[in-house]
Amino acid sequence: MSSGRDLMINSGIFSFESINTAGLIDALAFLQIAIYPIWIYLGVKLYRHRHTEKL
């Protein structure tokens, strides 16, 4: 096992070759965290829009 990701993927049932994607994974994780507040804002806005129409 070379990393935690390798341990999770290759838990004994399957055996996949994993490539070094450290930079890509870090960038995607950062992007997810960075846009999280936008998704919350859009969800609240959509909720308010749908529930104020019926009043």
PDB file of N, CA and C in Angstrom:
ATOM      1  N   MET A   1       0.845  -1.170   0.000  1.00  0.00           N
ATOM      2  CA  MET A   1       0.000   0.000   0.000  1.00  0.00           C
ATOM      3  C   MET A   1       0.893   1.237   0.000  1.00  0.00           C
ATOM      4  N   SER A   2       0.557   2.162  -0.856  1.00  0.00           N
ATOM      5  CA  SER A   2       1.388   3.359  -0.951  1.00  0.00           C
ATOM      6  C   SER A   2       0.728   4.587  -0.326  1.00  0.00           C
ATOM      7  N   SER A   3      -0.599   4.551  -0.158  1.00  0.00           N
ATOM      8  CA  SER A   3      -1.286   5.709   0.412  1.00  0.00           C
ATOM      9  C   SER A   3      -2.633   5.271   0.979  1.00  0.00           C
ATOM     10  N   GLY A   4      -3.295   6.196   1.635  1.00  0.00           N
ATOM     11  CA  GLY A   4      -4.623   5.911   2.157  1.00  0.00           C
ATOM     12  C   GLY A   4      -5.620   5.659   1.047  1.00  0.00           C
ATOM     13  N   ARG A   5      -5.470   6.385  -0.055  1.00  0.00           N
ATOM     14  CA  ARG A   5      -6.353   6.184  -1.209  1.00  0.00           C
ATOM     15  C   ARG A   5      -6.175   4.778  -1.750  1.00  0.00           C
ATOM     16  N   ASP A   6      -4.931   4.332  -1.848  1.00  0.00           N
ATOM     17  CA  ASP A   6      -4.642   2.986  -2.323  1.00  0.00           C
ATOM     18  C   ASP A   6      -5.254   1.953  -1.385  1.00  0.00           C
ATOM     19  N   LEU A   7      -5.195   2.195  -0.092  1.00  0.00           N
ATOM     20  CA  LEU A   7      -5.788   1.285   0.886  1.00  0.00           C
ATOM     21  C   LEU A   7      -7.302   1.208   0.711  1.00  0.00           C
ATOM     22  N   MET A   8      -7.964   2.356   0.483  1.00  0.00           N
ATOM     23  CA  MET A   8      -9.417   2.355   0.326  1.00  0.00           C
ATOM     24  C   MET A   8      -9.841   1.657  -0.961  1.00  0.00           C
ATOM     25  N   ILE A   9      -9.111   1.879  -2.038  1.00  0.00           N
ATOM     26  CA  ILE A   9      -9.479   1.279  -3.321  1.00  0.00           C
ATOM     27  C   ILE A   9      -9.142  -0.206  -3.340  1.00  0.00           C
ATOM     28  N   ASN A  10      -7.968  -0.564  -2.892  1.00  0.00           N
ATOM     29  CA  ASN A  10      -7.506  -1.950  -2.928  1.00  0.00           C
ATOM     30  C   ASN A  10      -7.633  -2.576  -1.547  1.00  0.00           C
ATOM     31  N   SER A  11      -8.870  -2.793  -1.121  1.00  0.00           N
ATOM     32  CA  SER A  11      -9.110  -3.308   0.227  1.00  0.00           C
ATOM     33  C   SER A  11      -9.037  -4.825   0.309  1.00  0.00           C
ATOM     34  N   GLY A  12      -8.610  -5.483  -0.730  1.00  0.00           N
ATOM     35  CA  GLY A  12      -8.485  -6.932  -0.711  1.00  0.00           C
ATOM     36  C   GLY A  12      -9.403  -7.629  -1.692  1.00  0.00           C
ATOM     37  N   ILE A  13     -10.451  -6.972  -2.122  1.00  0.00           N
ATOM     38  CA  ILE A  13     -11.382  -7.582  -3.071  1.00  0.00           C
ATOM     39  C   ILE A  13     -10.885  -7.374  -4.499  1.00  0.00           C
ATOM     40  N   PHE A  14     -10.496  -6.167  -4.811  1.00  0.00           N
ATOM     41  CA  PHE A  14      -9.999  -5.832  -6.140  1.00  0.00           C
ATOM     42  C   PHE A  14      -8.565  -5.357  -6.033  1.00  0.00           C
ATOM     43  N   SER A  15      -7.900  -5.317  -7.161  1.00  0.00           N
ATOM     44  CA  SER A  15      -6.537  -4.786  -7.192  1.00  0.00           C
ATOM     45  C   SER A  15      -6.400  -3.868  -8.399  1.00  0.00           C
ATOM     46  N   PHE A  16      -6.402  -2.575  -8.147  1.00  0.00           N
ATOM     47  CA  PHE A  16      -6.270  -1.582  -9.205  1.00  0.00           C
ATOM     48  C   PHE A  16      -4.912  -0.912  -9.086  1.00  0.00           C
ATOM     49  N   GLU A  17      -4.330  -0.616 -10.207  1.00  0.00           N
ATOM     50  CA  GLU A  17      -3.103   0.176 -10.214  1.00  0.00           C
ATOM     51  C   GLU A  17      -3.501   1.629 -10.016  1.00  0.00           C
ATOM     52  N   SER A  18      -2.892   2.274  -9.069  1.00  0.00           N
ATOM     53  CA  SER A  18      -3.205   3.682  -8.843  1.00  0.00           C
ATOM     54  C   SER A  18      -2.051   4.538  -9.346  1.00  0.00           C
ATOM     55  N   ILE A  19      -2.417   5.669  -9.937  1.00  0.00           N
ATOM     56  CA  ILE A  19      -1.404   6.591 -10.443  1.00  0.00           C
ATOM     57  C   ILE A  19      -1.289   7.759  -9.481  1.00  0.00           C
ATOM     58  N   ASN A  20      -0.207   8.471  -9.569  1.00  0.00           N
ATOM     59  CA  ASN A  20       0.022   9.608  -8.684  1.00  0.00           C
ATOM     60  C   ASN A  20      -0.785  10.803  -9.191  1.00  0.00           C
ATOM     61  N   THR A  21      -1.850  11.119  -8.487  1.00  0.00           N
ATOM     62  CA  THR A  21      -2.720  12.235  -8.868  1.00  0.00           C
ATOM     63  C   THR A  21      -2.793  13.271  -7.754  1.00  0.00           C
ATOM     64  N   ALA A  22      -1.738  13.390  -6.985  1.00  0.00           N
ATOM     65  CA  ALA A  22      -1.757  14.260  -5.806  1.00  0.00           C
ATOM     66  C   ALA A  22      -2.152  15.698  -6.152  1.00  0.00           C
ATOM     67  N   GLY A  23      -1.591  16.273  -7.184  1.00  0.00           N
ATOM     68  CA  GLY A  23      -1.916  17.656  -7.540  1.00  0.00           C
ATOM     69  C   GLY A  23      -3.351  17.812  -8.003  1.00  0.00           C
ATOM     70  N   LEU A  24      -3.824  16.878  -8.801  1.00  0.00           N
ATOM     71  CA  LEU A  24      -5.198  16.937  -9.307  1.00  0.00           C
ATOM     72  C   LEU A  24      -6.202  16.761  -8.176  1.00  0.00           C
ATOM     73  N   ILE A  25      -5.971  15.800  -7.314  1.00  0.00           N
ATOM     74  CA  ILE A  25      -6.881  15.553  -6.197  1.00  0.00           C
ATOM     75  C   ILE A  25      -6.931  16.769  -5.269  1.00  0.00           C
ATOM     76  N   ASP A  26      -5.783  17.360  -5.003  1.00  0.00           N
ATOM     77  CA  ASP A  26      -5.744  18.548  -4.147  1.00  0.00           C
ATOM     78  C   ASP A  26      -6.513  19.706  -4.776  1.00  0.00           C
ATOM     79  N   ALA A  27      -6.360  19.890  -6.088  1.00  0.00           N
ATOM     80  CA  ALA A  27      -7.058  20.971  -6.780  1.00  0.00           C
ATOM     81  C   ALA A  27      -8.568  20.745  -6.767  1.00  0.00           C
ATOM     82  N   LEU A  28      -8.998  19.515  -6.991  1.00  0.00           N
ATOM     83  CA  LEU A  28     -10.428  19.216  -6.965  1.00  0.00           C
ATOM     84  C   LEU A  28     -11.013  19.383  -5.566  1.00  0.00           C
ATOM     85  N   ALA A  29     -10.271  18.988  -4.555  1.00  0.00           N
ATOM     86  CA  ALA A  29     -10.735  19.163  -3.175  1.00  0.00           C
ATOM     87  C   ALA A  29     -10.864  20.648  -2.847  1.00  0.00           C
ATOM     88  N   PHE A  30      -9.893  21.441  -3.263  1.00  0.00           N
ATOM     89  CA  PHE A  30      -9.956  22.884  -3.035  1.00  0.00           C
ATOM     90  C   PHE A  30     -11.162  23.491  -3.745  1.00  0.00           C
ATOM     91  N   LEU A  31     -11.396  23.067  -4.984  1.00  0.00           N
ATOM     92  CA  LEU A  31     -12.524  23.588  -5.747  1.00  0.00           C
ATOM     93  C   LEU A  31     -13.850  23.252  -5.067  1.00  0.00           C
ATOM     94  N   GLN A  32     -13.976  22.029  -4.573  1.00  0.00           N
ATOM     95  CA  GLN A  32     -15.197  21.644  -3.864  1.00  0.00           C
ATOM     96  C   GLN A  32     -15.438  22.520  -2.645  1.00  0.00           C
ATOM     97  N   ILE A  33     -14.407  22.723  -1.875  1.00  0.00           N
ATOM     98  CA  ILE A  33     -14.541  23.537  -0.665  1.00  0.00           C
ATOM     99  C   ILE A  33     -14.814  24.993  -1.021  1.00  0.00           C
ATOM    100  N   ALA A  34     -14.196  25.479  -2.089  1.00  0.00           N
ATOM    101  CA  ALA A  34     -14.358  26.880  -2.476  1.00  0.00           C
ATOM    102  C   ALA A  34     -15.774  27.183  -2.959  1.00  0.00           C
ATOM    103  N   ILE A  35     -16.419  26.256  -3.676  1.00  0.00           N
ATOM    104  CA  ILE A  35     -17.752  26.543  -4.210  1.00  0.00           C
ATOM    105  C   ILE A  35     -18.878  26.072  -3.295  1.00  0.00           C
ATOM    106  N   TYR A  36     -18.549  25.479  -2.164  1.00  0.00           N
ATOM    107  CA  TYR A  36     -19.573  25.003  -1.226  1.00  0.00           C
ATOM    108  C   TYR A  36     -20.525  26.115  -0.783  1.00  0.00           C
ATOM    109  N   PRO A  37     -20.044  27.301  -0.420  1.00  0.00           N
ATOM    110  CA  PRO A  37     -20.980  28.373  -0.032  1.00  0.00           C
ATOM    111  C   PRO A  37     -21.926  28.785  -1.160  1.00  0.00           C
ATOM    112  N   ILE A  38     -21.483  28.669  -2.393  1.00  0.00           N
ATOM    113  CA  ILE A  38     -22.346  29.012  -3.528  1.00  0.00           C
ATOM    114  C   ILE A  38     -23.520  28.044  -3.601  1.00  0.00           C
ATOM    115  N   TRP A  39     -23.248  26.743  -3.417  1.00  0.00           N
ATOM    116  CA  TRP A  39     -24.322  25.746  -3.447  1.00  0.00           C
ATOM    117  C   TRP A  39     -25.309  25.966  -2.306  1.00  0.00           C
ATOM    118  N   ILE A  40     -24.817  26.331  -1.141  1.00  0.00           N
ATOM    119  CA  ILE A  40     -25.716  26.616  -0.016  1.00  0.00           C
ATOM    120  C   ILE A  40     -26.598  27.814  -0.346  1.00  0.00           C
ATOM    121  N   TYR A  41     -26.007  28.876  -0.872  1.00  0.00           N
ATOM    122  CA  TYR A  41     -26.758  30.075  -1.241  1.00  0.00           C
ATOM    123  C   TYR A  41     -27.829  29.743  -2.280  1.00  0.00           C
ATOM    124  N   LEU A  42     -27.458  28.993  -3.313  1.00  0.00           N
ATOM    125  CA  LEU A  42     -28.425  28.644  -4.354  1.00  0.00           C
ATOM    126  C   LEU A  42     -29.533  27.752  -3.810  1.00  0.00           C
ATOM    127  N   GLY A  43     -29.207  26.847  -2.910  1.00  0.00           N
ATOM    128  CA  GLY A  43     -30.220  25.988  -2.307  1.00  0.00           C
ATOM    129  C   GLY A  43     -31.205  26.772  -1.468  1.00  0.00           C
ATOM    130  N   VAL A  44     -30.712  27.704  -0.674  1.00  0.00           N
ATOM    131  CA  VAL A  44     -31.594  28.541   0.149  1.00  0.00           C
ATOM    132  C   VAL A  44     -32.466  29.415  -0.743  1.00  0.00           C
ATOM    133  N   LYS A  45     -31.879  29.970  -1.784  1.00  0.00           N
ATOM    134  CA  LYS A  45     -32.632  30.827  -2.701  1.00  0.00           C
ATOM    135  C   LYS A  45     -33.734  30.031  -3.411  1.00  0.00           C
ATOM    136  N   LEU A  46     -33.415  28.826  -3.862  1.00  0.00           N
ATOM    137  CA  LEU A  46     -34.411  27.983  -4.522  1.00  0.00           C
ATOM    138  C   LEU A  46     -35.511  27.582  -3.548  1.00  0.00           C
ATOM    139  N   TYR A  47     -35.151  27.240  -2.332  1.00  0.00           N
ATOM    140  CA  TYR A  47     -36.140  26.874  -1.310  1.00  0.00           C
ATOM    141  C   TYR A  47     -37.095  28.030  -1.048  1.00  0.00           C
ATOM    142  N   ARG A  48     -36.553  29.217  -0.867  1.00  0.00           N
ATOM    143  CA  ARG A  48     -37.401  30.386  -0.602  1.00  0.00           C
ATOM    144  C   ARG A  48     -38.305  30.695  -1.791  1.00  0.00           C
ATOM    145  N   HIS A  49     -37.760  30.552  -3.001  1.00  0.00           N
ATOM    146  CA  HIS A  49     -38.538  30.824  -4.205  1.00  0.00           C
ATOM    147  C   HIS A  49     -39.715  29.858  -4.318  1.00  0.00           C
ATOM    148  N   ARG A  50     -39.469  28.590  -4.073  1.00  0.00           N
ATOM    149  CA  ARG A  50     -40.530  27.588  -4.204  1.00  0.00           C
ATOM    150  C   ARG A  50     -41.577  27.703  -3.108  1.00  0.00           C
ATOM    151  N   HIS A  51     -41.177  28.103  -1.918  1.00  0.00           N
ATOM    152  CA  HIS A  51     -42.122  28.148  -0.810  1.00  0.00           C
ATOM    153  C   HIS A  51     -42.832  29.491  -0.682  1.00  0.00           C
ATOM    154  N   THR A  52     -42.359  30.530  -1.319  1.00  0.00           N
ATOM    155  CA  THR A  52     -43.072  31.806  -1.268  1.00  0.00           C
ATOM    156  C   THR A  52     -44.100  31.902  -2.385  1.00  0.00           C
ATOM    157  N   GLU A  53     -43.982  31.076  -3.431  1.00  0.00           N
ATOM    158  CA  GLU A  53     -44.973  31.083  -4.505  1.00  0.00           C
ATOM    159  C   GLU A  53     -46.331  30.612  -4.009  1.00  0.00           C
ATOM    160  N   LYS A  54     -46.345  29.669  -3.088  1.00  0.00           N
ATOM    161  CA  LYS A  54     -47.582  29.035  -2.647  1.00  0.00           C
ATOM    162  C   LYS A  54     -48.355  29.866  -1.630  1.00  0.00           C
ATOM    163  N   LEU A  55     -47.759  30.908  -1.099  1.00  0.00           N
ATOM    164  CA  LEU A  55     -48.442  31.712  -0.078  1.00  0.00           C
ATOM    165  C   LEU A  55     -49.415  32.690  -0.660  1.00  0.00           C
TER     166      LEU A  55
END
